[in-house]
Amino acid sequence: GGGDATSCVGVKEITRKAVAAEDPPKPLTVQQRVALLEAKEIKIARRTVAKYRQELRIAPASRRKRLFDT
C-alpha cells in the first residue's frame, strides 16, 4: 500500500527512540520492541523489527548490554 513508506519511517523513529531511552544493563529485545510497537497499534513482524535495527546500525541487544561495576 501507499502508507508503507510512512509507517516504515515511523517505526524506525520509534525503534531509535526506544533504544536511546532503554536501560543500558537491560537493552530491549526484538520481542520487547515488537510489543512496544503493537501497543501503538502497529502490527509488525519480528524479522522486520530486526531488519530496521540493522538499517539504523543499532547493535543487537546482546552487544548493547552495558555492564556497570558497582
PDB file of N, CA and C in Angstrom:
ATOM      1  N   GLY A   1       0.798  -1.205   0.000  1.00  0.00           N
ATOM      2  CA  GLY A   1       0.000   0.000   0.000  1.00  0.00           C
ATOM      3  C   GLY A   1       0.836   1.261   0.000  1.00  0.00           C
ATOM      4  N   GLY A   2       0.180   2.415  -0.171  1.00  0.00           N
ATOM      5  CA  GLY A   2       0.880   3.688  -0.227  1.00  0.00           C
ATOM      6  C   GLY A   2       1.398   4.140   1.123  1.00  0.00           C
ATOM      7  N   GLY A   3       0.824   3.636   2.232  1.00  0.00           N
ATOM      8  CA  GLY A   3       1.219   4.076   3.560  1.00  0.00           C
ATOM      9  C   GLY A   3       2.449   3.382   4.113  1.00  0.00           C
ATOM     10  N   ASP A   4       2.981   2.411   3.368  1.00  0.00           N
ATOM     11  CA  ASP A   4       4.096   1.619   3.882  1.00  0.00           C
ATOM     12  C   ASP A   4       5.343   2.450   4.178  1.00  0.00           C
ATOM     13  N   ALA A   5       5.674   3.356   3.282  1.00  0.00           N
ATOM     14  CA  ALA A   5       6.885   4.169   3.464  1.00  0.00           C
ATOM     15  C   ALA A   5       6.780   5.013   4.738  1.00  0.00           C
ATOM     16  N   THR A   6       5.615   5.606   4.951  1.00  0.00           N
ATOM     17  CA  THR A   6       5.400   6.437   6.136  1.00  0.00           C
ATOM     18  C   THR A   6       5.522   5.609   7.407  1.00  0.00           C
ATOM     19  N   SER A   7       4.878   4.445   7.409  1.00  0.00           N
ATOM     20  CA  SER A   7       4.924   3.608   8.603  1.00  0.00           C
ATOM     21  C   SER A   7       6.339   3.100   8.850  1.00  0.00           C
ATOM     22  N   CYS A   8       7.080   2.824   7.765  1.00  0.00           N
ATOM     23  CA  CYS A   8       8.467   2.376   7.883  1.00  0.00           C
ATOM     24  C   CYS A   8       9.299   3.430   8.606  1.00  0.00           C
ATOM     25  N   VAL A   9       9.172   4.674   8.182  1.00  0.00           N
ATOM     26  CA  VAL A   9       9.906   5.774   8.812  1.00  0.00           C
ATOM     27  C   VAL A   9       9.469   5.935  10.262  1.00  0.00           C
ATOM     28  N   GLY A  10       8.168   5.861  10.504  1.00  0.00           N
ATOM     29  CA  GLY A  10       7.635   5.979  11.860  1.00  0.00           C
ATOM     30  C   GLY A  10       8.149   4.888  12.774  1.00  0.00           C
ATOM     31  N   VAL A  11       8.155   3.660  12.259  1.00  0.00           N
ATOM     32  CA  VAL A  11       8.631   2.519  13.048  1.00  0.00           C
ATOM     33  C   VAL A  11      10.113   2.667  13.347  1.00  0.00           C
ATOM     34  N   LYS A  12      10.884   3.103  12.359  1.00  0.00           N
ATOM     35  CA  LYS A  12      12.324   3.305  12.575  1.00  0.00           C
ATOM     36  C   LYS A  12      12.558   4.376  13.638  1.00  0.00           C
ATOM     37  N   GLU A  13      11.755   5.436  13.596  1.00  0.00           N
ATOM     38  CA  GLU A  13      11.889   6.516  14.577  1.00  0.00           C
ATOM     39  C   GLU A  13      11.551   6.012  15.982  1.00  0.00           C
ATOM     40  N   ILE A  14      10.466   5.244  16.100  1.00  0.00           N
ATOM     41  CA  ILE A  14      10.078   4.668  17.389  1.00  0.00           C
ATOM     42  C   ILE A  14      11.178   3.740  17.892  1.00  0.00           C
ATOM     43  N   THR A  15      11.728   2.927  16.982  1.00  0.00           N
ATOM     44  CA  THR A  15      12.812   1.997  17.344  1.00  0.00           C
ATOM     45  C   THR A  15      14.018   2.767  17.858  1.00  0.00           C
ATOM     46  N   ARG A  16      14.399   3.821  17.134  1.00  0.00           N
ATOM     47  CA  ARG A  16      15.573   4.620  17.508  1.00  0.00           C
ATOM     48  C   ARG A  16      15.383   5.243  18.892  1.00  0.00           C
ATOM     49  N   LYS A  17      14.203   5.817  19.111  1.00  0.00           N
ATOM     50  CA  LYS A  17      13.915   6.456  20.404  1.00  0.00           C
ATOM     51  C   LYS A  17      13.870   5.435  21.536  1.00  0.00           C
ATOM     52  N   ALA A  18      13.269   4.273  21.263  1.00  0.00           N
ATOM     53  CA  ALA A  18      13.157   3.225  22.289  1.00  0.00           C
ATOM     54  C   ALA A  18      14.543   2.754  22.709  1.00  0.00           C
ATOM     55  N   VAL A  19      15.419   2.555  21.732  1.00  0.00           N
ATOM     56  CA  VAL A  19      16.775   2.085  22.026  1.00  0.00           C
ATOM     57  C   VAL A  19      17.563   3.173  22.765  1.00  0.00           C
ATOM     58  N   ALA A  20      17.375   4.428  22.365  1.00  0.00           N
ATOM     59  CA  ALA A  20      18.071   5.540  23.020  1.00  0.00           C
ATOM     60  C   ALA A  20      17.646   5.682  24.482  1.00  0.00           C
ATOM     61  N   ALA A  21      16.392   5.332  24.777  1.00  0.00           N
ATOM     62  CA  ALA A  21      15.847   5.523  26.123  1.00  0.00           C
ATOM     63  C   ALA A  21      15.925   4.272  26.993  1.00  0.00           C
ATOM     64  N   GLU A  22      16.436   3.175  26.427  1.00  0.00           N
ATOM     65  CA  GLU A  22      16.409   1.921  27.190  1.00  0.00           C
ATOM     66  C   GLU A  22      17.390   1.930  28.353  1.00  0.00           C
ATOM     67  N   ASP A  23      17.178   1.012  29.266  1.00  0.00           N
ATOM     68  CA  ASP A  23      18.039   0.833  30.433  1.00  0.00           C
ATOM     69  C   ASP A  23      19.311   0.120  29.960  1.00  0.00           C
ATOM     70  N   PRO A  24      20.484   0.764  30.019  1.00  0.00           N
ATOM     71  CA  PRO A  24      21.696   0.156  29.448  1.00  0.00           C
ATOM     72  C   PRO A  24      21.995  -1.280  29.896  1.00  0.00           C
ATOM     73  N   PRO A  25      21.835  -1.625  31.186  1.00  0.00           N
ATOM     74  CA  PRO A  25      22.110  -3.026  31.548  1.00  0.00           C
ATOM     75  C   PRO A  25      21.062  -4.006  31.016  1.00  0.00           C
ATOM     76  N   LYS A  26      19.878  -3.496  30.632  1.00  0.00           N
ATOM     77  CA  LYS A  26      18.801  -4.364  30.158  1.00  0.00           C
ATOM     78  C   LYS A  26      18.234  -3.842  28.838  1.00  0.00           C
ATOM     79  N   PRO A  27      19.001  -3.977  27.745  1.00  0.00           N
ATOM     80  CA  PRO A  27      18.504  -3.473  26.459  1.00  0.00           C
ATOM     81  C   PRO A  27      17.249  -4.224  26.001  1.00  0.00           C
ATOM     82  N   LEU A  28      16.441  -3.548  25.215  1.00  0.00           N
ATOM     83  CA  LEU A  28      15.207  -4.146  24.714  1.00  0.00           C
ATOM     84  C   LEU A  28      15.520  -5.255  23.702  1.00  0.00           C
ATOM     85  N   THR A  29      14.831  -6.369  23.835  1.00  0.00           N
ATOM     86  CA  THR A  29      14.962  -7.450  22.857  1.00  0.00           C
ATOM     87  C   THR A  29      14.046  -7.147  21.673  1.00  0.00           C
ATOM     88  N   VAL A  30      14.204  -7.907  20.609  1.00  0.00           N
ATOM     89  CA  VAL A  30      13.320  -7.756  19.449  1.00  0.00           C
ATOM     90  C   VAL A  30      11.867  -7.931  19.884  1.00  0.00           C
ATOM     91  N   GLN A  31      11.620  -8.962  20.697  1.00  0.00           N
ATOM     92  CA  GLN A  31      10.251  -9.243  21.131  1.00  0.00           C
ATOM     93  C   GLN A  31       9.664  -8.076  21.931  1.00  0.00           C
ATOM     94  N   GLN A  32      10.482  -7.446  22.769  1.00  0.00           N
ATOM     95  CA  GLN A  32      10.002  -6.299  23.551  1.00  0.00           C
ATOM     96  C   GLN A  32       9.704  -5.104  22.646  1.00  0.00           C
ATOM     97  N   ARG A  33      10.524  -4.922  21.607  1.00  0.00           N
ATOM     98  CA  ARG A  33      10.256  -3.823  20.668  1.00  0.00           C
ATOM     99  C   ARG A  33       8.999  -4.089  19.854  1.00  0.00           C
ATOM    100  N   VAL A  34       8.769  -5.356  19.475  1.00  0.00           N
ATOM    101  CA  VAL A  34       7.532  -5.722  18.772  1.00  0.00           C
ATOM    102  C   VAL A  34       6.330  -5.394  19.661  1.00  0.00           C
ATOM    103  N   ALA A  35       6.420  -5.763  20.948  1.00  0.00           N
ATOM    104  CA  ALA A  35       5.330  -5.495  21.893  1.00  0.00           C
ATOM    105  C   ALA A  35       5.090  -3.992  22.035  1.00  0.00           C
ATOM    106  N   LEU A  36       6.174  -3.227  22.076  1.00  0.00           N
ATOM    107  CA  LEU A  36       6.090  -1.765  22.178  1.00  0.00           C
ATOM    108  C   LEU A  36       5.333  -1.187  20.974  1.00  0.00           C
ATOM    109  N   LEU A  37       5.664  -1.676  19.783  1.00  0.00           N
ATOM    110  CA  LEU A  37       5.013  -1.205  18.560  1.00  0.00           C
ATOM    111  C   LEU A  37       3.549  -1.632  18.516  1.00  0.00           C
ATOM    112  N   GLU A  38       3.290  -2.873  18.951  1.00  0.00           N
ATOM    113  CA  GLU A  38       1.909  -3.355  18.963  1.00  0.00           C
ATOM    114  C   GLU A  38       1.055  -2.532  19.917  1.00  0.00           C
ATOM    115  N   ALA A  39       1.663  -2.056  21.003  1.00  0.00           N
ATOM    116  CA  ALA A  39       0.950  -1.199  21.948  1.00  0.00           C
ATOM    117  C   ALA A  39       0.558   0.123  21.289  1.00  0.00           C
ATOM    118  N   LYS A  40       1.296   0.505  20.247  1.00  0.00           N
ATOM    119  CA  LYS A  40       0.978   1.730  19.495  1.00  0.00           C
ATOM    120  C   LYS A  40       0.136   1.399  18.252  1.00  0.00           C
ATOM    121  N   GLU A  41      -0.512   0.211  18.280  1.00  0.00           N
ATOM    122  CA  GLU A  41      -1.383  -0.213  17.176  1.00  0.00           C
ATOM    123  C   GLU A  41      -0.603  -0.462  15.881  1.00  0.00           C
ATOM    124  N   ILE A  42       0.679  -0.794  15.986  1.00  0.00           N
ATOM    125  CA  ILE A  42       1.487  -1.096  14.800  1.00  0.00           C
ATOM    126  C   ILE A  42       1.759  -2.593  14.793  1.00  0.00           C
ATOM    127  N   LYS A  43       1.205  -3.272  13.792  1.00  0.00           N
ATOM    128  CA  LYS A  43       1.409  -4.721  13.674  1.00  0.00           C
ATOM    129  C   LYS A  43       2.649  -4.913  12.805  1.00  0.00           C
ATOM    130  N   ILE A  44       3.622  -5.633  13.328  1.00  0.00           N
ATOM    131  CA  ILE A  44       4.882  -5.766  12.612  1.00  0.00           C
ATOM    132  C   ILE A  44       5.516  -7.123  12.911  1.00  0.00           C
ATOM    133  N   ALA A  45       6.187  -7.661  11.913  1.00  0.00           N
ATOM    134  CA  ALA A  45       6.864  -8.949  12.075  1.00  0.00           C
ATOM    135  C   ALA A  45       8.200  -8.753  12.788  1.00  0.00           C
ATOM    136  N   ARG A  46       8.599  -9.752  13.576  1.00  0.00           N
ATOM    137  CA  ARG A  46       9.882  -9.671  14.292  1.00  0.00           C
ATOM    138  C   ARG A  46      11.032  -9.452  13.334  1.00  0.00           C
ATOM    139  N   ARG A  47      10.996 -10.146  12.184  1.00  0.00           N
ATOM    140  CA  ARG A  47      12.116 -10.014  11.236  1.00  0.00           C
ATOM    141  C   ARG A  47      12.212  -8.586  10.694  1.00  0.00           C
ATOM    142  N   THR A  48      11.063  -7.908  10.555  1.00  0.00           N
ATOM    143  CA  THR A  48      11.063  -6.514  10.091  1.00  0.00           C
ATOM    144  C   THR A  48      11.678  -5.615  11.152  1.00  0.00           C
ATOM    145  N   VAL A  49      11.329  -5.848  12.418  1.00  0.00           N
ATOM    146  CA  VAL A  49      11.902  -5.075  13.532  1.00  0.00           C
ATOM    147  C   VAL A  49      13.424  -5.269  13.562  1.00  0.00           C
ATOM    148  N   ALA A  50      13.861  -6.507  13.377  1.00  0.00           N
ATOM    149  CA  ALA A  50      15.294  -6.810  13.364  1.00  0.00           C
ATOM    150  C   ALA A  50      15.984  -6.135  12.173  1.00  0.00           C
ATOM    151  N   LYS A  51      15.317  -6.129  11.020  1.00  0.00           N
ATOM    152  CA  LYS A  51      15.873  -5.504   9.814  1.00  0.00           C
ATOM    153  C   LYS A  51      16.028  -4.000  10.023  1.00  0.00           C
ATOM    154  N   TYR A  52      15.004  -3.364  10.589  1.00  0.00           N
ATOM    155  CA  TYR A  52      15.085  -1.921  10.849  1.00  0.00           C
ATOM    156  C   TYR A  52      16.229  -1.607  11.802  1.00  0.00           C
ATOM    157  N   ARG A  53      16.421  -2.453  12.814  1.00  0.00           N
ATOM    158  CA  ARG A  53      17.529  -2.249  13.748  1.00  0.00           C
ATOM    159  C   ARG A  53      18.853  -2.256  12.991  1.00  0.00           C
ATOM    160  N   GLN A  54      19.011  -3.202  12.084  1.00  0.00           N
ATOM    161  CA  GLN A  54      20.244  -3.283  11.293  1.00  0.00           C
ATOM    162  C   GLN A  54      20.400  -2.054  10.408  1.00  0.00           C
ATOM    163  N   GLU A  55      19.301  -1.627   9.766  1.00  0.00           N
ATOM    164  CA  GLU A  55      19.343  -0.445   8.896  1.00  0.00           C
ATOM    165  C   GLU A  55      19.716   0.811   9.678  1.00  0.00           C
ATOM    166  N   LEU A  56      19.315   0.884  10.927  1.00  0.00           N
ATOM    167  CA  LEU A  56      19.644   2.019  11.786  1.00  0.00           C
ATOM    168  C   LEU A  56      21.044   1.893  12.387  1.00  0.00           C
ATOM    169  N   ARG A  57      21.726   0.795  12.044  1.00  0.00           N
ATOM    170  CA  ARG A  57      23.075   0.499  12.560  1.00  0.00           C
ATOM    171  C   ARG A  57      23.101   0.457  14.088  1.00  0.00           C
ATOM    172  N   ILE A  58      22.050  -0.154  14.647  1.00  0.00           N
ATOM    173  CA  ILE A  58      21.975  -0.349  16.094  1.00  0.00           C
ATOM    174  C   ILE A  58      22.423  -1.781  16.365  1.00  0.00           C
ATOM    175  N   ALA A  59      23.329  -1.956  17.292  1.00  0.00           N
ATOM    176  CA  ALA A  59      23.840  -3.281  17.620  1.00  0.00           C
ATOM    177  C   ALA A  59      22.739  -4.150  18.231  1.00  0.00           C
ATOM    178  N   PRO A  60      22.860  -5.481  18.112  1.00  0.00           N
ATOM    179  CA  PRO A  60      21.888  -6.360  18.773  1.00  0.00           C
ATOM    180  C   PRO A  60      21.891  -6.147  20.286  1.00  0.00           C
ATOM    181  N   ALA A  61      20.795  -6.514  20.938  1.00  0.00           N
ATOM    182  CA  ALA A  61      20.658  -6.314  22.387  1.00  0.00           C
ATOM    183  C   ALA A  61      21.844  -6.902  23.145  1.00  0.00           C
ATOM    184  N   SER A  62      22.302  -8.080  22.719  1.00  0.00           N
ATOM    185  CA  SER A  62      23.423  -8.730  23.425  1.00  0.00           C
ATOM    186  C   SER A  62      24.689  -7.877  23.394  1.00  0.00           C
ATOM    187  N   ARG A  63      24.864  -7.100  22.307  1.00  0.00           N
ATOM    188  CA  ARG A  63      26.040  -6.238  22.205  1.00  0.00           C
ATOM    189  C   ARG A  63      25.802  -4.852  22.801  1.00  0.00           C
ATOM    190  N   ARG A  64      24.502  -4.440  22.899  1.00  0.00           N
ATOM    191  CA  ARG A  64      24.200  -3.133  23.503  1.00  0.00           C
ATOM    192  C   ARG A  64      24.260  -3.198  25.011  1.00  0.00           C
ATOM    193  N   LYS A  65      24.156  -4.392  25.563  1.00  0.00           N
ATOM    194  CA  LYS A  65      24.138  -4.540  27.024  1.00  0.00           C
ATOM    195  C   LYS A  65      25.440  -3.998  27.603  1.00  0.00           C
ATOM    196  N   ARG A  66      25.303  -3.048  28.498  1.00  0.00           N
ATOM    197  CA  ARG A  66      26.490  -2.448  29.123  1.00  0.00           C
ATOM    198  C   ARG A  66      26.463  -2.775  30.606  1.00  0.00           C
ATOM    199  N   LEU A  67      27.521  -3.359  31.053  1.00  0.00           N
ATOM    200  CA  LEU A  67      27.598  -3.735  32.462  1.00  0.00           C
ATOM    201  C   LEU A  67      28.324  -2.650  33.237  1.00  0.00           C
ATOM    202  N   PHE A  68      27.861  -2.413  34.427  1.00  0.00           N
ATOM    203  CA  PHE A  68      28.464  -1.388  35.272  1.00  0.00           C
ATOM    204  C   PHE A  68      29.081  -2.027  36.500  1.00  0.00           C
ATOM    205  N   ASP A  69      30.289  -1.678  36.803  1.00  0.00           N
ATOM    206  CA  ASP A  69      30.924  -2.159  38.032  1.00  0.00           C
ATOM    207  C   ASP A  69      30.339  -1.381  39.196  1.00  0.00           C
ATOM    208  N   THR A  70      29.929  -2.111  40.221  1.00  0.00           N
ATOM    209  CA  THR A  70      29.346  -1.424  41.376  1.00  0.00           C
ATOM    210  C   THR A  70      30.302  -1.493  42.549  1.00  0.00           C
TER     211      THR A  70
END
